[in-house]
């Protein structure tokens, strides 16, 4: 799964671009300004963390760690809870969806924390990792 984080990130980035285009062209006249702002925050954070997943996949393909797995799943959960709840809030104006977003924010923080811990330990040589051999084309 570790090497697949890039693919998962690319999928989330694709969806963020689609959601952003839909928001800019399909929702501009249908949502209030505060709803559009909430929608844009959802798109922005989805894209940030989609790109983080792409980078994580590139890193994890060379040196897989438990921290990378925790970071990846935390980013995915964060996107679903944070961005998902903000999409739902902006489109439905049901305020209860806003109560879900902080859980997604905590998942994002956990992901960045796990990534930092993994990078710190890996930089110090204290993490047991699965080295992936480079393929050589001759």
N, C-alpha and C. Protein backbone atom coordinates (compact mmCIF):
# COMPACT_ATOMS: atom_id res chain seq x y z
N UNK A 1 0.83 -1.21 0.00
CA UNK A 1 0.00 0.00 0.00
C UNK A 1 0.86 1.25 0.00
N UNK A 2 2.04 1.18 0.61
CA UNK A 2 2.84 2.38 0.76
C UNK A 2 3.17 3.05 -0.57
N UNK A 3 3.53 2.26 -1.57
CA UNK A 3 3.87 2.84 -2.87
C UNK A 3 2.63 3.35 -3.59
N UNK A 4 1.47 2.99 -3.13
CA UNK A 4 0.22 3.42 -3.78
C UNK A 4 -0.31 4.74 -3.25
N UNK A 5 0.33 5.30 -2.24
CA UNK A 5 -0.14 6.58 -1.73
C UNK A 5 -0.13 7.65 -2.82
N UNK A 6 0.83 7.58 -3.73
CA UNK A 6 0.87 8.56 -4.83
C UNK A 6 -0.37 8.44 -5.70
N UNK A 7 -0.81 7.23 -5.98
CA UNK A 7 -2.00 7.04 -6.79
C UNK A 7 -3.24 7.54 -6.06
N UNK A 8 -3.33 7.27 -4.77
CA UNK A 8 -4.46 7.76 -3.98
C UNK A 8 -4.44 9.29 -3.96
N UNK A 9 -3.26 9.87 -3.77
CA UNK A 9 -3.13 11.32 -3.78
C UNK A 9 -3.52 11.92 -5.12
N UNK A 10 -3.09 11.28 -6.20
CA UNK A 10 -3.44 11.78 -7.53
C UNK A 10 -4.95 11.73 -7.75
N UNK A 11 -5.60 10.69 -7.26
CA UNK A 11 -7.06 10.60 -7.38
C UNK A 11 -7.74 11.73 -6.60
N UNK A 12 -7.28 11.96 -5.37
CA UNK A 12 -7.85 13.05 -4.58
C UNK A 12 -7.58 14.41 -5.23
N UNK A 13 -6.39 14.57 -5.85
CA UNK A 13 -6.08 15.83 -6.53
C UNK A 13 -6.99 16.02 -7.74
N UNK A 14 -7.20 14.94 -8.49
CA UNK A 14 -8.13 14.98 -9.63
C UNK A 14 -9.51 15.43 -9.17
N UNK A 15 -9.97 14.83 -8.08
CA UNK A 15 -11.30 15.18 -7.56
C UNK A 15 -11.34 16.62 -7.05
N UNK A 16 -10.22 17.09 -6.48
CA UNK A 16 -10.17 18.48 -6.00
C UNK A 16 -10.25 19.45 -7.16
N UNK A 17 -9.56 19.16 -8.26
CA UNK A 17 -9.63 20.02 -9.44
C UNK A 17 -11.06 20.02 -9.99
N UNK A 18 -11.67 18.85 -10.07
CA UNK A 18 -13.05 18.76 -10.55
C UNK A 18 -14.00 19.53 -9.63
N UNK A 19 -13.83 19.36 -8.32
CA UNK A 19 -14.69 20.07 -7.37
C UNK A 19 -14.47 21.58 -7.46
N UNK A 20 -13.22 21.99 -7.63
CA UNK A 20 -12.93 23.41 -7.77
C UNK A 20 -13.57 24.00 -9.01
N UNK A 21 -13.47 23.28 -10.12
CA UNK A 21 -14.09 23.76 -11.37
C UNK A 21 -15.61 23.82 -11.23
N UNK A 22 -16.17 22.79 -10.60
CA UNK A 22 -17.61 22.77 -10.37
C UNK A 22 -18.02 23.95 -9.50
N UNK A 23 -17.24 24.22 -8.47
CA UNK A 23 -17.55 25.35 -7.59
C UNK A 23 -17.47 26.68 -8.31
N UNK A 24 -16.43 26.84 -9.12
CA UNK A 24 -16.23 28.11 -9.81
C UNK A 24 -17.26 28.35 -10.91
N UNK A 25 -17.68 27.29 -11.57
CA UNK A 25 -18.56 27.46 -12.73
C UNK A 25 -20.00 27.05 -12.48
N UNK A 26 -20.21 26.08 -11.60
CA UNK A 26 -21.57 25.59 -11.40
C UNK A 26 -22.25 26.08 -10.15
N UNK A 27 -21.46 26.55 -9.18
CA UNK A 27 -22.07 26.92 -7.90
C UNK A 27 -22.05 28.42 -7.62
N UNK A 28 -21.32 29.17 -8.41
CA UNK A 28 -21.15 30.61 -8.15
C UNK A 28 -22.49 31.33 -8.00
N UNK A 29 -23.45 30.98 -8.81
CA UNK A 29 -24.75 31.67 -8.76
C UNK A 29 -25.76 30.96 -7.86
N UNK A 30 -25.37 29.83 -7.31
CA UNK A 30 -26.32 29.05 -6.51
C UNK A 30 -26.06 29.12 -5.01
N UNK A 31 -24.81 29.43 -4.61
CA UNK A 31 -24.47 29.48 -3.20
C UNK A 31 -24.22 30.91 -2.76
N UNK A 32 -24.43 31.15 -1.48
CA UNK A 32 -24.11 32.47 -0.92
C UNK A 32 -22.59 32.60 -0.83
N UNK A 33 -22.12 33.81 -0.62
CA UNK A 33 -20.67 34.04 -0.50
C UNK A 33 -20.08 33.23 0.66
N UNK A 34 -20.70 33.22 1.86
CA UNK A 34 -20.13 32.39 2.93
C UNK A 34 -20.09 30.90 2.57
N UNK A 35 -21.10 30.40 1.87
CA UNK A 35 -21.09 29.00 1.46
C UNK A 35 -19.97 28.73 0.45
N UNK A 36 -19.75 29.66 -0.47
CA UNK A 36 -18.66 29.50 -1.44
C UNK A 36 -17.30 29.51 -0.76
N UNK A 37 -17.15 30.35 0.26
CA UNK A 37 -15.88 30.39 1.00
C UNK A 37 -15.63 29.04 1.67
N UNK A 38 -16.64 28.48 2.29
CA UNK A 38 -16.51 27.17 2.94
C UNK A 38 -16.16 26.11 1.90
N UNK A 39 -16.81 26.15 0.76
CA UNK A 39 -16.55 25.20 -0.32
C UNK A 39 -15.09 25.31 -0.79
N UNK A 40 -14.62 26.54 -0.95
CA UNK A 40 -13.24 26.75 -1.40
C UNK A 40 -12.22 26.25 -0.38
N UNK A 41 -12.52 26.40 0.91
CA UNK A 41 -11.63 25.86 1.95
C UNK A 41 -11.55 24.34 1.83
N UNK A 42 -12.69 23.71 1.58
CA UNK A 42 -12.72 22.25 1.42
C UNK A 42 -11.84 21.82 0.24
N UNK A 43 -11.97 22.51 -0.88
CA UNK A 43 -11.17 22.18 -2.06
C UNK A 43 -9.69 22.39 -1.77
N UNK A 44 -9.36 23.51 -1.14
CA UNK A 44 -7.95 23.85 -0.87
C UNK A 44 -7.29 22.79 0.03
N UNK A 45 -7.95 22.44 1.11
CA UNK A 45 -7.36 21.46 2.03
C UNK A 45 -7.31 20.07 1.41
N UNK A 46 -8.28 19.75 0.58
CA UNK A 46 -8.22 18.48 -0.14
C UNK A 46 -6.99 18.46 -1.04
N UNK A 47 -6.74 19.54 -1.76
CA UNK A 47 -5.59 19.58 -2.66
C UNK A 47 -4.28 19.54 -1.88
N UNK A 48 -4.17 20.30 -0.79
CA UNK A 48 -2.94 20.27 0.01
C UNK A 48 -2.60 18.84 0.41
N UNK A 49 -3.60 18.13 0.90
CA UNK A 49 -3.35 16.80 1.44
C UNK A 49 -3.27 15.74 0.34
N UNK A 50 -3.88 16.00 -0.79
CA UNK A 50 -3.68 15.12 -1.96
C UNK A 50 -2.23 15.19 -2.40
N UNK A 51 -1.68 16.39 -2.46
CA UNK A 51 -0.27 16.55 -2.84
C UNK A 51 0.65 15.93 -1.78
N UNK A 52 0.26 16.05 -0.51
CA UNK A 52 1.05 15.41 0.55
C UNK A 52 1.06 13.89 0.35
N UNK A 53 -0.06 13.32 -0.06
CA UNK A 53 -0.12 11.88 -0.33
C UNK A 53 0.77 11.48 -1.51
N UNK A 54 0.79 12.32 -2.54
CA UNK A 54 1.66 12.03 -3.69
C UNK A 54 3.11 12.00 -3.24
N UNK A 55 3.53 13.00 -2.49
CA UNK A 55 4.91 13.05 -2.00
C UNK A 55 5.18 11.89 -1.05
N UNK A 56 4.24 11.59 -0.19
CA UNK A 56 4.39 10.47 0.73
C UNK A 56 4.62 9.17 -0.04
N UNK A 57 3.87 8.97 -1.11
CA UNK A 57 4.05 7.77 -1.92
C UNK A 57 5.44 7.69 -2.52
N UNK A 58 5.97 8.82 -2.95
CA UNK A 58 7.32 8.83 -3.50
C UNK A 58 8.36 8.51 -2.44
N UNK A 59 8.17 9.05 -1.25
CA UNK A 59 9.09 8.77 -0.15
C UNK A 59 8.96 7.32 0.30
N UNK A 60 7.72 6.86 0.47
CA UNK A 60 7.47 5.51 0.99
C UNK A 60 7.92 4.43 0.02
N UNK A 61 7.99 4.76 -1.27
CA UNK A 61 8.43 3.74 -2.22
C UNK A 61 9.92 3.44 -2.07
N UNK A 62 10.64 4.34 -1.44
CA UNK A 62 12.08 4.12 -1.21
C UNK A 62 12.36 3.57 0.18
N UNK A 63 11.58 3.97 1.16
CA UNK A 63 11.81 3.54 2.53
C UNK A 63 10.48 3.52 3.27
N UNK A 64 9.88 2.36 3.40
CA UNK A 64 8.56 2.22 4.02
C UNK A 64 8.69 2.15 5.53
N UNK A 65 7.88 2.93 6.23
CA UNK A 65 7.87 2.91 7.69
C UNK A 65 6.44 2.90 8.19
N UNK A 66 6.29 2.55 9.46
CA UNK A 66 4.96 2.60 10.08
C UNK A 66 4.46 4.04 10.12
N UNK A 67 5.36 4.98 10.32
CA UNK A 67 4.96 6.40 10.35
C UNK A 67 4.36 6.83 9.02
N UNK A 68 4.90 6.32 7.92
CA UNK A 68 4.37 6.66 6.60
C UNK A 68 2.95 6.11 6.44
N UNK A 69 2.72 4.92 6.93
CA UNK A 69 1.39 4.33 6.86
C UNK A 69 0.39 5.13 7.69
N UNK A 70 0.79 5.49 8.90
CA UNK A 70 -0.08 6.30 9.76
C UNK A 70 -0.36 7.65 9.10
N UNK A 71 0.66 8.27 8.54
CA UNK A 71 0.48 9.57 7.88
C UNK A 71 -0.49 9.44 6.70
N UNK A 72 -0.30 8.43 5.88
CA UNK A 72 -1.16 8.25 4.72
C UNK A 72 -2.62 8.07 5.09
N UNK A 73 -2.88 7.16 6.02
CA UNK A 73 -4.27 6.93 6.41
C UNK A 73 -4.85 8.16 7.11
N UNK A 74 -4.03 8.87 7.86
CA UNK A 74 -4.51 10.08 8.54
C UNK A 74 -4.90 11.14 7.52
N UNK A 75 -4.10 11.30 6.46
CA UNK A 75 -4.44 12.27 5.42
C UNK A 75 -5.74 11.88 4.71
N UNK A 76 -5.90 10.60 4.42
CA UNK A 76 -7.13 10.14 3.76
C UNK A 76 -8.34 10.39 4.65
N UNK A 77 -8.24 10.01 5.91
CA UNK A 77 -9.35 10.23 6.85
C UNK A 77 -9.62 11.72 7.00
N UNK A 78 -8.56 12.52 7.05
CA UNK A 78 -8.72 13.97 7.15
C UNK A 78 -9.45 14.55 5.96
N UNK A 79 -9.08 14.11 4.76
CA UNK A 79 -9.76 14.61 3.56
C UNK A 79 -11.25 14.25 3.60
N UNK A 80 -11.54 13.01 3.94
CA UNK A 80 -12.94 12.57 3.96
C UNK A 80 -13.73 13.35 5.01
N UNK A 81 -13.19 13.45 6.23
CA UNK A 81 -13.94 14.11 7.30
C UNK A 81 -13.94 15.63 7.17
N UNK A 82 -12.76 16.23 6.95
CA UNK A 82 -12.68 17.69 6.91
C UNK A 82 -13.30 18.23 5.63
N UNK A 83 -12.72 17.87 4.50
CA UNK A 83 -13.25 18.40 3.24
C UNK A 83 -14.65 17.90 2.98
N UNK A 84 -14.90 16.62 3.24
CA UNK A 84 -16.23 16.06 3.01
C UNK A 84 -17.31 16.78 3.79
N UNK A 85 -17.03 17.04 5.06
CA UNK A 85 -18.04 17.73 5.88
C UNK A 85 -18.24 19.18 5.43
N UNK A 86 -17.13 19.82 4.98
CA UNK A 86 -17.28 21.20 4.50
C UNK A 86 -18.03 21.25 3.17
N UNK A 87 -17.80 20.26 2.29
CA UNK A 87 -18.59 20.19 1.06
C UNK A 87 -20.08 20.05 1.42
N UNK A 88 -20.36 19.12 2.32
CA UNK A 88 -21.75 18.88 2.72
C UNK A 88 -22.36 20.13 3.36
N UNK A 89 -21.60 20.80 4.22
CA UNK A 89 -22.09 22.02 4.87
C UNK A 89 -22.39 23.11 3.85
N UNK A 90 -21.45 23.32 2.93
CA UNK A 90 -21.64 24.41 1.96
C UNK A 90 -22.80 24.12 1.00
N UNK A 91 -22.98 22.88 0.62
CA UNK A 91 -24.02 22.54 -0.34
C UNK A 91 -25.41 22.41 0.28
N UNK A 92 -25.46 22.02 1.55
CA UNK A 92 -26.76 21.80 2.19
C UNK A 92 -27.15 22.90 3.17
N UNK A 93 -26.17 23.63 3.66
CA UNK A 93 -26.35 24.63 4.71
C UNK A 93 -26.89 24.02 6.00
N UNK A 94 -26.64 22.72 6.18
CA UNK A 94 -26.99 22.05 7.44
C UNK A 94 -25.79 22.20 8.37
N UNK A 95 -25.93 23.01 9.39
CA UNK A 95 -24.82 23.41 10.25
C UNK A 95 -24.18 22.23 10.99
N UNK A 96 -24.91 21.16 11.20
CA UNK A 96 -24.37 20.00 11.93
C UNK A 96 -23.14 19.43 11.24
N UNK A 97 -23.04 19.57 9.91
CA UNK A 97 -21.87 19.07 9.22
C UNK A 97 -20.60 19.78 9.66
N UNK A 98 -20.74 21.02 10.10
CA UNK A 98 -19.58 21.77 10.58
C UNK A 98 -18.94 21.15 11.81
N UNK A 99 -19.70 20.38 12.57
CA UNK A 99 -19.16 19.75 13.77
C UNK A 99 -18.23 18.58 13.45
N UNK A 100 -18.28 18.08 12.24
CA UNK A 100 -17.44 16.95 11.84
C UNK A 100 -16.04 17.42 11.43
N UNK A 101 -15.95 18.62 10.88
CA UNK A 101 -14.69 19.14 10.34
C UNK A 101 -13.52 19.10 11.34
N UNK A 102 -13.72 19.44 12.62
CA UNK A 102 -12.57 19.39 13.53
C UNK A 102 -11.95 18.00 13.67
N UNK A 103 -12.74 16.95 13.51
CA UNK A 103 -12.18 15.61 13.57
C UNK A 103 -11.26 15.36 12.38
N UNK A 104 -11.65 15.89 11.24
CA UNK A 104 -10.78 15.81 10.07
C UNK A 104 -9.52 16.62 10.26
N UNK A 105 -9.66 17.78 10.90
CA UNK A 105 -8.48 18.60 11.20
C UNK A 105 -7.52 17.89 12.12
N UNK A 106 -8.04 17.18 13.10
CA UNK A 106 -7.18 16.39 14.00
C UNK A 106 -6.48 15.28 13.22
N UNK A 107 -7.19 14.66 12.29
CA UNK A 107 -6.56 13.63 11.45
C UNK A 107 -5.44 14.23 10.61
N UNK A 108 -5.65 15.43 10.06
CA UNK A 108 -4.58 16.09 9.31
C UNK A 108 -3.36 16.32 10.22
N UNK A 109 -3.61 16.83 11.41
CA UNK A 109 -2.51 17.07 12.35
C UNK A 109 -1.78 15.78 12.71
N UNK A 110 -2.53 14.71 12.90
CA UNK A 110 -1.91 13.41 13.20
C UNK A 110 -1.04 12.96 12.04
N UNK A 111 -1.52 13.18 10.82
CA UNK A 111 -0.74 12.81 9.64
C UNK A 111 0.56 13.57 9.54
N UNK A 112 0.49 14.89 9.74
CA UNK A 112 1.71 15.69 9.68
C UNK A 112 2.64 15.32 10.83
N UNK A 113 2.08 15.04 12.00
CA UNK A 113 2.92 14.61 13.13
C UNK A 113 3.61 13.30 12.85
N UNK A 114 2.87 12.35 12.31
CA UNK A 114 3.47 11.04 11.98
C UNK A 114 4.55 11.20 10.92
N UNK A 115 4.30 12.04 9.94
CA UNK A 115 5.30 12.28 8.90
C UNK A 115 6.55 12.91 9.49
N UNK A 116 6.38 13.87 10.40
CA UNK A 116 7.53 14.51 11.04
C UNK A 116 8.32 13.52 11.89
N UNK A 117 7.61 12.72 12.65
CA UNK A 117 8.28 11.71 13.49
C UNK A 117 9.04 10.72 12.63
N UNK A 118 8.40 10.25 11.59
CA UNK A 118 9.07 9.30 10.70
C UNK A 118 10.30 9.90 10.04
N UNK A 119 10.19 11.15 9.60
CA UNK A 119 11.34 11.80 8.98
C UNK A 119 12.46 12.01 9.98
N UNK A 120 12.10 12.40 11.19
CA UNK A 120 13.09 12.61 12.24
C UNK A 120 13.82 11.31 12.57
N UNK A 121 13.07 10.26 12.80
CA UNK A 121 13.68 8.98 13.14
C UNK A 121 14.48 8.42 11.98
N UNK A 122 13.96 8.53 10.78
CA UNK A 122 14.66 8.02 9.61
C UNK A 122 15.96 8.79 9.39
N UNK A 123 15.94 10.08 9.63
CA UNK A 123 17.13 10.91 9.49
C UNK A 123 18.19 10.57 10.51
N UNK A 124 17.76 10.06 11.66
CA UNK A 124 18.70 9.67 12.72
C UNK A 124 19.10 8.21 12.61
N UNK A 125 18.51 7.50 11.66
CA UNK A 125 18.88 6.10 11.47
C UNK A 125 18.31 5.15 12.50
N UNK A 126 17.20 5.54 13.16
CA UNK A 126 16.64 4.69 14.21
C UNK A 126 15.37 3.98 13.81
N UNK A 127 14.92 4.17 12.58
CA UNK A 127 13.71 3.52 12.12
C UNK A 127 14.09 2.30 11.30
N UNK A 128 13.45 1.18 11.61
CA UNK A 128 13.64 0.00 10.77
C UNK A 128 12.73 0.18 9.57
N UNK A 129 13.33 0.19 8.41
CA UNK A 129 12.54 0.39 7.21
C UNK A 129 12.80 -0.72 6.21
N UNK A 130 11.88 -0.83 5.29
CA UNK A 130 12.00 -1.80 4.22
C UNK A 130 12.58 -1.07 3.03
N UNK A 131 13.84 -1.29 2.75
CA UNK A 131 14.48 -0.64 1.61
C UNK A 131 13.97 -1.28 0.33
N UNK A 132 13.62 -0.46 -0.61
CA UNK A 132 13.14 -0.94 -1.91
C UNK A 132 14.27 -0.75 -2.90
N UNK A 133 14.74 -1.83 -3.50
CA UNK A 133 15.85 -1.70 -4.43
C UNK A 133 15.46 -0.91 -5.67
N UNK A 134 16.40 -0.11 -6.15
CA UNK A 134 16.16 0.64 -7.38
C UNK A 134 16.25 -0.32 -8.56
N UNK A 135 15.35 -0.13 -9.51
CA UNK A 135 15.42 -0.95 -10.70
C UNK A 135 16.42 -0.32 -11.64
N UNK A 136 17.21 -1.14 -12.28
CA UNK A 136 18.22 -0.65 -13.21
C UNK A 136 17.93 -1.23 -14.58
N UNK A 137 17.83 -0.35 -15.54
CA UNK A 137 17.59 -0.79 -16.91
C UNK A 137 18.93 -0.84 -17.63
N UNK A 138 19.33 -2.01 -18.07
CA UNK A 138 20.60 -2.16 -18.82
C UNK A 138 20.32 -2.61 -20.21
